[in-house]
PDB file of all heavy atoms in Angstrom:
ATOM      1  N   SER A   1     -22.092  14.862 -31.011  1.00  0.00           N
ATOM      2  CA  SER A   1     -22.711  16.179 -31.334  1.00  0.00           C
ATOM      3  C   SER A   1     -22.588  17.035 -30.142  1.00  0.00           C
ATOM      4  O   SER A   1     -22.487  16.648 -28.984  1.00  0.00           O
ATOM      5  CB  SER A   1     -24.139  15.963 -31.732  1.00  0.00           C
ATOM      6  OG  SER A   1     -24.923  15.561 -30.653  1.00  0.00           O
ATOM      7  N   ASP A   2     -22.641  18.381 -30.325  1.00  0.00           N
ATOM      8  CA  ASP A   2     -22.765  19.394 -29.287  1.00  0.00           C
ATOM      9  C   ASP A   2     -21.494  19.478 -28.452  1.00  0.00           C
ATOM     10  O   ASP A   2     -20.423  18.907 -28.898  1.00  0.00           O
ATOM     11  CB  ASP A   2     -24.000  19.173 -28.477  1.00  0.00           C
ATOM     12  CG  ASP A   2     -25.256  19.139 -29.291  1.00  0.00           C
ATOM     13  OD1 ASP A   2     -25.577  20.194 -29.859  1.00  0.00           O
ATOM     14  OD2 ASP A   2     -25.961  18.077 -29.345  1.00  0.00           O
ATOM     15  N   ARG A   3     -21.638  20.030 -27.239  1.00  0.00           N
ATOM     16  CA  ARG A   3     -20.498  20.269 -26.408  1.00  0.00           C
ATOM     17  C   ARG A   3     -20.926  20.055 -24.995  1.00  0.00           C
ATOM     18  O   ARG A   3     -21.975  20.468 -24.578  1.00  0.00           O
ATOM     19  CB  ARG A   3     -19.970  21.689 -26.629  1.00  0.00           C
ATOM     20  CG  ARG A   3     -18.747  22.030 -25.791  1.00  0.00           C
ATOM     21  CD  ARG A   3     -18.357  23.487 -26.044  1.00  0.00           C
ATOM     22  NE  ARG A   3     -17.915  23.731 -27.395  1.00  0.00           N
ATOM     23  CZ  ARG A   3     -17.349  24.865 -27.827  1.00  0.00           C
ATOM     24  NH1 ARG A   3     -17.180  25.826 -26.952  1.00  0.00           N
ATOM     25  NH2 ARG A   3     -16.952  25.032 -29.091  1.00  0.00           N
ATOM     26  N   ILE A   4     -20.005  19.491 -24.172  1.00  0.00           N
ATOM     27  CA  ILE A   4     -20.364  19.286 -22.750  1.00  0.00           C
ATOM     28  C   ILE A   4     -19.166  19.670 -21.843  1.00  0.00           C
ATOM     29  O   ILE A   4     -18.055  19.651 -22.338  1.00  0.00           O
ATOM     30  CB  ILE A   4     -20.750  17.752 -22.475  1.00  0.00           C
ATOM     31  CG1 ILE A   4     -19.717  16.792 -23.024  1.00  0.00           C
ATOM     32  CG2 ILE A   4     -22.105  17.485 -23.090  1.00  0.00           C
ATOM     33  CD1 ILE A   4     -19.984  15.345 -22.732  1.00  0.00           C
ATOM     34  N   VAL A   5     -19.494  19.946 -20.591  1.00  0.00           N
ATOM     35  CA  VAL A   5     -18.448  20.158 -19.583  1.00  0.00           C
ATOM     36  C   VAL A   5     -18.529  18.994 -18.592  1.00  0.00           C
ATOM     37  O   VAL A   5     -19.627  18.720 -18.074  1.00  0.00           O
ATOM     38  CB  VAL A   5     -18.710  21.495 -18.866  1.00  0.00           C
ATOM     39  CG1 VAL A   5     -17.631  21.685 -17.826  1.00  0.00           C
ATOM     40  CG2 VAL A   5     -18.689  22.582 -19.926  1.00  0.00           C
ATOM     41  N   VAL A   6     -17.418  18.338 -18.400  1.00  0.00           N
ATOM     42  CA  VAL A   6     -17.431  17.108 -17.556  1.00  0.00           C
ATOM     43  C   VAL A   6     -16.469  17.319 -16.382  1.00  0.00           C
ATOM     44  O   VAL A   6     -15.338  17.821 -16.583  1.00  0.00           O
ATOM     45  CB  VAL A   6     -16.941  15.869 -18.416  1.00  0.00           C
ATOM     46  CG1 VAL A   6     -16.845  14.610 -17.538  1.00  0.00           C
ATOM     47  CG2 VAL A   6     -17.831  15.663 -19.601  1.00  0.00           C
ATOM     48  N   ARG A   7     -16.923  16.920 -15.217  1.00  0.00           N
ATOM     49  CA  ARG A   7     -16.085  16.877 -13.991  1.00  0.00           C
ATOM     50  C   ARG A   7     -15.570  15.489 -13.808  1.00  0.00           C
ATOM     51  O   ARG A   7     -16.390  14.552 -13.706  1.00  0.00           O
ATOM     52  CB  ARG A   7     -16.793  17.387 -12.776  1.00  0.00           C
ATOM     53  CG  ARG A   7     -15.976  17.378 -11.538  1.00  0.00           C
ATOM     54  CD  ARG A   7     -16.637  18.094 -10.378  1.00  0.00           C
ATOM     55  NE  ARG A   7     -16.587  19.513 -10.579  1.00  0.00           N
ATOM     56  CZ  ARG A   7     -17.629  20.344 -10.571  1.00  0.00           C
ATOM     57  NH1 ARG A   7     -18.815  19.842 -10.304  1.00  0.00           N
ATOM     58  NH2 ARG A   7     -17.462  21.656 -10.757  1.00  0.00           N
ATOM     59  N   ILE A   8     -14.278  15.299 -13.792  1.00  0.00           N
ATOM     60  CA  ILE A   8     -13.702  13.998 -13.661  1.00  0.00           C
ATOM     61  C   ILE A   8     -13.954  13.406 -12.271  1.00  0.00           C
ATOM     62  O   ILE A   8     -13.715  14.056 -11.294  1.00  0.00           O
ATOM     63  CB  ILE A   8     -12.204  14.024 -13.978  1.00  0.00           C
ATOM     64  CG1 ILE A   8     -11.900  14.585 -15.392  1.00  0.00           C
ATOM     65  CG2 ILE A   8     -11.593  12.628 -13.789  1.00  0.00           C
ATOM     66  CD1 ILE A   8     -12.495  13.692 -16.450  1.00  0.00           C
ATOM     67  N   THR A   9     -14.393  12.128 -12.254  1.00  0.00           N
ATOM     68  CA  THR A   9     -14.750  11.531 -10.925  1.00  0.00           C
ATOM     69  C   THR A   9     -13.943  10.245 -10.653  1.00  0.00           C
ATOM     70  O   THR A   9     -14.223   9.556  -9.736  1.00  0.00           O
ATOM     71  CB  THR A   9     -16.248  11.104 -10.931  1.00  0.00           C
ATOM     72  OG1 THR A   9     -16.509  10.155 -12.010  1.00  0.00           O
ATOM     73  CG2 THR A   9     -17.139  12.275 -11.075  1.00  0.00           C
ATOM     74  N   SER A  10     -12.855  10.023 -11.444  1.00  0.00           N
ATOM     75  CA  SER A  10     -12.060   8.810 -11.242  1.00  0.00           C
ATOM     76  C   SER A  10     -10.571   9.210 -11.185  1.00  0.00           C
ATOM     77  O   SER A  10     -10.141  10.183 -11.833  1.00  0.00           O
ATOM     78  CB  SER A  10     -12.332   7.755 -12.345  1.00  0.00           C
ATOM     79  OG  SER A  10     -11.916   8.273 -13.562  1.00  0.00           O
ATOM     80  N   LYS A  11      -9.790   8.382 -10.546  1.00  0.00           N
ATOM     81  CA  LYS A  11      -8.327   8.557 -10.544  1.00  0.00           C
ATOM     82  C   LYS A  11      -7.763   7.750 -11.726  1.00  0.00           C
ATOM     83  O   LYS A  11      -8.352   6.771 -12.147  1.00  0.00           O
ATOM     84  CB  LYS A  11      -7.765   7.983  -9.215  1.00  0.00           C
ATOM     85  CG  LYS A  11      -8.341   8.725  -8.006  1.00  0.00           C
ATOM     86  CD  LYS A  11      -7.740   8.087  -6.737  1.00  0.00           C
ATOM     87  CE  LYS A  11      -8.295   8.790  -5.450  1.00  0.00           C
ATOM     88  NZ  LYS A  11      -7.785   8.118  -4.243  1.00  0.00           N
ATOM     89  N   PRO A  12      -6.553   8.117 -12.152  1.00  0.00           N
ATOM     90  CA  PRO A  12      -5.927   7.423 -13.232  1.00  0.00           C
ATOM     91  C   PRO A  12      -5.727   5.962 -12.866  1.00  0.00           C
ATOM     92  O   PRO A  12      -5.317   5.599 -11.760  1.00  0.00           O
ATOM     93  CB  PRO A  12      -4.564   8.112 -13.369  1.00  0.00           C
ATOM     94  CG  PRO A  12      -4.809   9.506 -12.809  1.00  0.00           C
ATOM     95  CD  PRO A  12      -5.807   9.366 -11.705  1.00  0.00           C
ATOM     96  N   GLY A  13      -6.088   5.054 -13.750  1.00  0.00           N
ATOM     97  CA  GLY A  13      -5.965   3.589 -13.522  1.00  0.00           C
ATOM     98  C   GLY A  13      -7.064   3.036 -12.736  1.00  0.00           C
ATOM     99  O   GLY A  13      -7.080   1.762 -12.520  1.00  0.00           O
ATOM    100  N   GLU A  14      -8.053   3.833 -12.318  1.00  0.00           N
ATOM    101  CA  GLU A  14      -9.222   3.306 -11.574  1.00  0.00           C
ATOM    102  C   GLU A  14     -10.509   3.650 -12.251  1.00  0.00           C
ATOM    103  O   GLU A  14     -11.563   3.813 -11.579  1.00  0.00           O
ATOM    104  CB  GLU A  14      -9.198   3.886 -10.136  1.00  0.00           C
ATOM    105  CG  GLU A  14      -7.974   3.520  -9.344  1.00  0.00           C
ATOM    106  CD  GLU A  14      -8.010   4.024  -7.950  1.00  0.00           C
ATOM    107  OE1 GLU A  14      -9.030   4.649  -7.617  1.00  0.00           O
ATOM    108  OE2 GLU A  14      -6.997   3.910  -7.225  1.00  0.00           O
ATOM    109  N   THR A  15     -10.495   3.774 -13.603  1.00  0.00           N
ATOM    110  CA  THR A  15     -11.696   4.144 -14.316  1.00  0.00           C
ATOM    111  C   THR A  15     -12.568   2.887 -14.419  1.00  0.00           C
ATOM    112  O   THR A  15     -12.243   1.792 -14.132  1.00  0.00           O
ATOM    113  CB  THR A  15     -11.343   4.643 -15.717  1.00  0.00           C
ATOM    114  OG1 THR A  15     -10.731   3.568 -16.427  1.00  0.00           O
ATOM    115  CG2 THR A  15     -10.327   5.828 -15.610  1.00  0.00           C
ATOM    116  N   PHE A  16     -13.791   3.234 -14.906  1.00  0.00           N
ATOM    117  CA  PHE A  16     -14.756   2.140 -15.132  1.00  0.00           C
ATOM    118  C   PHE A  16     -14.270   1.135 -16.111  1.00  0.00           C
ATOM    119  O   PHE A  16     -14.514  -0.147 -15.923  1.00  0.00           O
ATOM    120  CB  PHE A  16     -16.111   2.791 -15.602  1.00  0.00           C
ATOM    121  CG  PHE A  16     -17.246   1.772 -15.625  1.00  0.00           C
ATOM    122  CD1 PHE A  16     -17.709   1.082 -14.606  1.00  0.00           C
ATOM    123  CD2 PHE A  16     -17.912   1.659 -16.927  1.00  0.00           C
ATOM    124  CE1 PHE A  16     -18.766   0.236 -14.656  1.00  0.00           C
ATOM    125  CE2 PHE A  16     -18.986   0.779 -16.969  1.00  0.00           C
ATOM    126  CZ  PHE A  16     -19.377   0.047 -15.850  1.00  0.00           C
ATOM    127  N   VAL A  17     -13.612   1.591 -17.152  1.00  0.00           N
ATOM    128  CA  VAL A  17     -13.059   0.660 -18.150  1.00  0.00           C
ATOM    129  C   VAL A  17     -12.026  -0.210 -17.542  1.00  0.00           C
ATOM    130  O   VAL A  17     -11.982  -1.410 -17.811  1.00  0.00           O
ATOM    131  CB  VAL A  17     -12.501   1.504 -19.377  1.00  0.00           C
ATOM    132  CG1 VAL A  17     -11.795   0.530 -20.299  1.00  0.00           C
ATOM    133  CG2 VAL A  17     -13.608   2.227 -20.044  1.00  0.00           C
ATOM    134  N   ASP A  18     -11.178   0.333 -16.695  1.00  0.00           N
ATOM    135  CA  ASP A  18     -10.136  -0.483 -15.961  1.00  0.00           C
ATOM    136  C   ASP A  18     -10.772  -1.566 -15.217  1.00  0.00           C
ATOM    137  O   ASP A  18     -10.309  -2.752 -15.211  1.00  0.00           O
ATOM    138  CB  ASP A  18      -9.235   0.376 -15.121  1.00  0.00           C
ATOM    139  CG  ASP A  18      -8.372   1.338 -15.839  1.00  0.00           C
ATOM    140  OD1 ASP A  18      -7.809   0.931 -16.898  1.00  0.00           O
ATOM    141  OD2 ASP A  18      -8.239   2.519 -15.490  1.00  0.00           O
ATOM    142  N   ARG A  19     -11.826  -1.280 -14.511  1.00  0.00           N
ATOM    143  CA  ARG A  19     -12.513  -2.306 -13.703  1.00  0.00           C
ATOM    144  C   ARG A  19     -13.179  -3.315 -14.585  1.00  0.00           C
ATOM    145  O   ARG A  19     -13.230  -4.558 -14.272  1.00  0.00           O
ATOM    146  CB  ARG A  19     -13.522  -1.612 -12.753  1.00  0.00           C
ATOM    147  CG  ARG A  19     -12.876  -0.940 -11.560  1.00  0.00           C
ATOM    148  CD  ARG A  19     -13.921  -0.383 -10.657  1.00  0.00           C
ATOM    149  NE  ARG A  19     -14.638   0.726 -11.262  1.00  0.00           N
ATOM    150  CZ  ARG A  19     -15.837   1.218 -10.805  1.00  0.00           C
ATOM    151  NH1 ARG A  19     -16.387   0.660  -9.760  1.00  0.00           N
ATOM    152  NH2 ARG A  19     -16.381   2.233 -11.433  1.00  0.00           N
ATOM    153  N   MET A  20     -13.743  -2.853 -15.682  1.00  0.00           N
ATOM    154  CA  MET A  20     -14.384  -3.740 -16.630  1.00  0.00           C
ATOM    155  C   MET A  20     -13.361  -4.753 -17.171  1.00  0.00           C
ATOM    156  O   MET A  20     -13.684  -6.017 -17.281  1.00  0.00           O
ATOM    157  CB  MET A  20     -15.051  -3.024 -17.796  1.00  0.00           C
ATOM    158  CG  MET A  20     -16.307  -2.254 -17.406  1.00  0.00           C
ATOM    159  SD  MET A  20     -16.933  -1.236 -18.713  1.00  0.00           S
ATOM    160  CE  MET A  20     -17.277  -2.478 -20.006  1.00  0.00           C
ATOM    161  N   ILE A  21     -12.226  -4.303 -17.504  1.00  0.00           N
ATOM    162  CA  ILE A  21     -11.224  -5.234 -18.117  1.00  0.00           C
ATOM    163  C   ILE A  21     -10.830  -6.322 -17.109  1.00  0.00           C
ATOM    164  O   ILE A  21     -10.706  -7.421 -17.396  1.00  0.00           O
ATOM    165  CB  ILE A  21      -9.947  -4.404 -18.554  1.00  0.00           C
ATOM    166  CG1 ILE A  21     -10.277  -3.491 -19.708  1.00  0.00           C
ATOM    167  CG2 ILE A  21      -8.794  -5.319 -18.882  1.00  0.00           C
ATOM    168  CD1 ILE A  21      -9.194  -2.550 -20.109  1.00  0.00           C
ATOM    169  N   ALA A  22     -10.585  -5.886 -15.833  1.00  0.00           N
ATOM    170  CA  ALA A  22     -10.255  -6.880 -14.829  1.00  0.00           C
ATOM    171  C   ALA A  22     -11.375  -7.863 -14.611  1.00  0.00           C
ATOM    172  O   ALA A  22     -11.139  -9.069 -14.416  1.00  0.00           O
ATOM    173  CB  ALA A  22      -9.942  -6.117 -13.525  1.00  0.00           C
ATOM    174  N   LEU A  23     -12.615  -7.412 -14.694  1.00  0.00           N
ATOM    175  CA  LEU A  23     -13.790  -8.275 -14.492  1.00  0.00           C
ATOM    176  C   LEU A  23     -13.913  -9.327 -15.608  1.00  0.00           C
ATOM    177  O   LEU A  23     -14.104 -10.491 -15.440  1.00  0.00           O
ATOM    178  CB  LEU A  23     -15.042  -7.470 -14.287  1.00  0.00           C
ATOM    179  CG  LEU A  23     -15.181  -6.677 -12.986  1.00  0.00           C
ATOM    180  CD1 LEU A  23     -16.240  -5.679 -13.054  1.00  0.00           C
ATOM    181  CD2 LEU A  23     -15.388  -7.736 -11.826  1.00  0.00           C
ATOM    182  N   VAL A  24     -13.924  -8.759 -16.919  1.00  0.00           N
ATOM    183  CA  VAL A  24     -14.174  -9.703 -18.011  1.00  0.00           C
ATOM    184  C   VAL A  24     -13.020 -10.718 -18.191  1.00  0.00           C
ATOM    185  O   VAL A  24     -13.152 -11.822 -18.738  1.00  0.00           O
ATOM    186  CB  VAL A  24     -14.467  -8.909 -19.309  1.00  0.00           C
ATOM    187  CG1 VAL A  24     -15.683  -8.068 -19.140  1.00  0.00           C
ATOM    188  CG2 VAL A  24     -13.262  -8.085 -19.744  1.00  0.00           C
ATOM    189  N   GLU A  25     -11.816 -10.346 -17.797  1.00  0.00           N
ATOM    190  CA  GLU A  25     -10.713 -11.267 -17.846  1.00  0.00           C
ATOM    191  C   GLU A  25     -10.654 -12.219 -16.729  1.00  0.00           C
ATOM    192  O   GLU A  25      -9.891 -13.239 -16.682  1.00  0.00           O
ATOM    193  CB  GLU A  25      -9.365 -10.524 -17.925  1.00  0.00           C
ATOM    194  CG  GLU A  25      -9.102  -9.818 -19.254  1.00  0.00           C
ATOM    195  CD  GLU A  25      -7.747  -9.249 -19.339  1.00  0.00           C
ATOM    196  OE1 GLU A  25      -7.237  -8.718 -18.298  1.00  0.00           O
ATOM    197  OE2 GLU A  25      -7.154  -9.251 -20.440  1.00  0.00           O
ATOM    198  N   GLY A  26     -11.484 -11.992 -15.689  1.00  0.00           N
ATOM    199  CA  GLY A  26     -11.523 -12.903 -14.537  1.00  0.00           C
ATOM    200  C   GLY A  26     -10.499 -12.605 -13.478  1.00  0.00           C
ATOM    201  O   GLY A  26     -10.418 -13.269 -12.478  1.00  0.00           O
ATOM    202  N   ALA A  27      -9.625 -11.555 -13.720  1.00  0.00           N
ATOM    203  CA  ALA A  27      -8.632 -11.251 -12.750  1.00  0.00           C
ATOM    204  C   ALA A  27      -9.133 -10.781 -11.412  1.00  0.00           C
ATOM    205  O   ALA A  27      -8.517 -10.994 -10.390  1.00  0.00           O
ATOM    206  CB  ALA A  27      -7.636 -10.225 -13.328  1.00  0.00           C
ATOM    207  N   ALA A  28     -10.324 -10.155 -11.467  1.00  0.00           N
ATOM    208  CA  ALA A  28     -10.911  -9.640 -10.239  1.00  0.00           C
ATOM    209  C   ALA A  28     -11.947 -10.586  -9.586  1.00  0.00           C
ATOM    210  O   ALA A  28     -12.542 -10.257  -8.642  1.00  0.00           O
ATOM    211  CB  ALA A  28     -11.540  -8.282 -10.480  1.00  0.00           C
ATOM    212  N   ARG A  29     -12.104 -11.802 -10.198  1.00  0.00           N
ATOM    213  CA  ARG A  29     -13.141 -12.712  -9.677  1.00  0.00           C
ATOM    214  C   ARG A  29     -12.700 -13.298  -8.375  1.00  0.00           C
ATOM    215  O   ARG A  29     -11.604 -13.902  -8.245  1.00  0.00           O
ATOM    216  CB  ARG A  29     -13.376 -13.802 -10.716  1.00  0.00           C
ATOM    217  CG  ARG A  29     -14.658 -14.587 -10.348  1.00  0.00           C
ATOM    218  CD  ARG A  29     -14.836 -15.783 -11.236  1.00  0.00           C
ATOM    219  NE  ARG A  29     -14.167 -16.993 -10.721  1.00  0.00           N
ATOM    220  CZ  ARG A  29     -14.802 -17.820  -9.943  1.00  0.00           C
ATOM    221  NH1 ARG A  29     -16.044 -17.668  -9.572  1.00  0.00           N
ATOM    222  NH2 ARG A  29     -14.166 -18.932  -9.532  1.00  0.00           N
TER     223      ARG A  29
END
């Protein structure tokens, strides 16, 4: 709902989701 303005704080390939994937797969352990 509604509308927001977002300032990007991550570089491509270094997002929170990218880090989560590495962590849950154990690759970054």
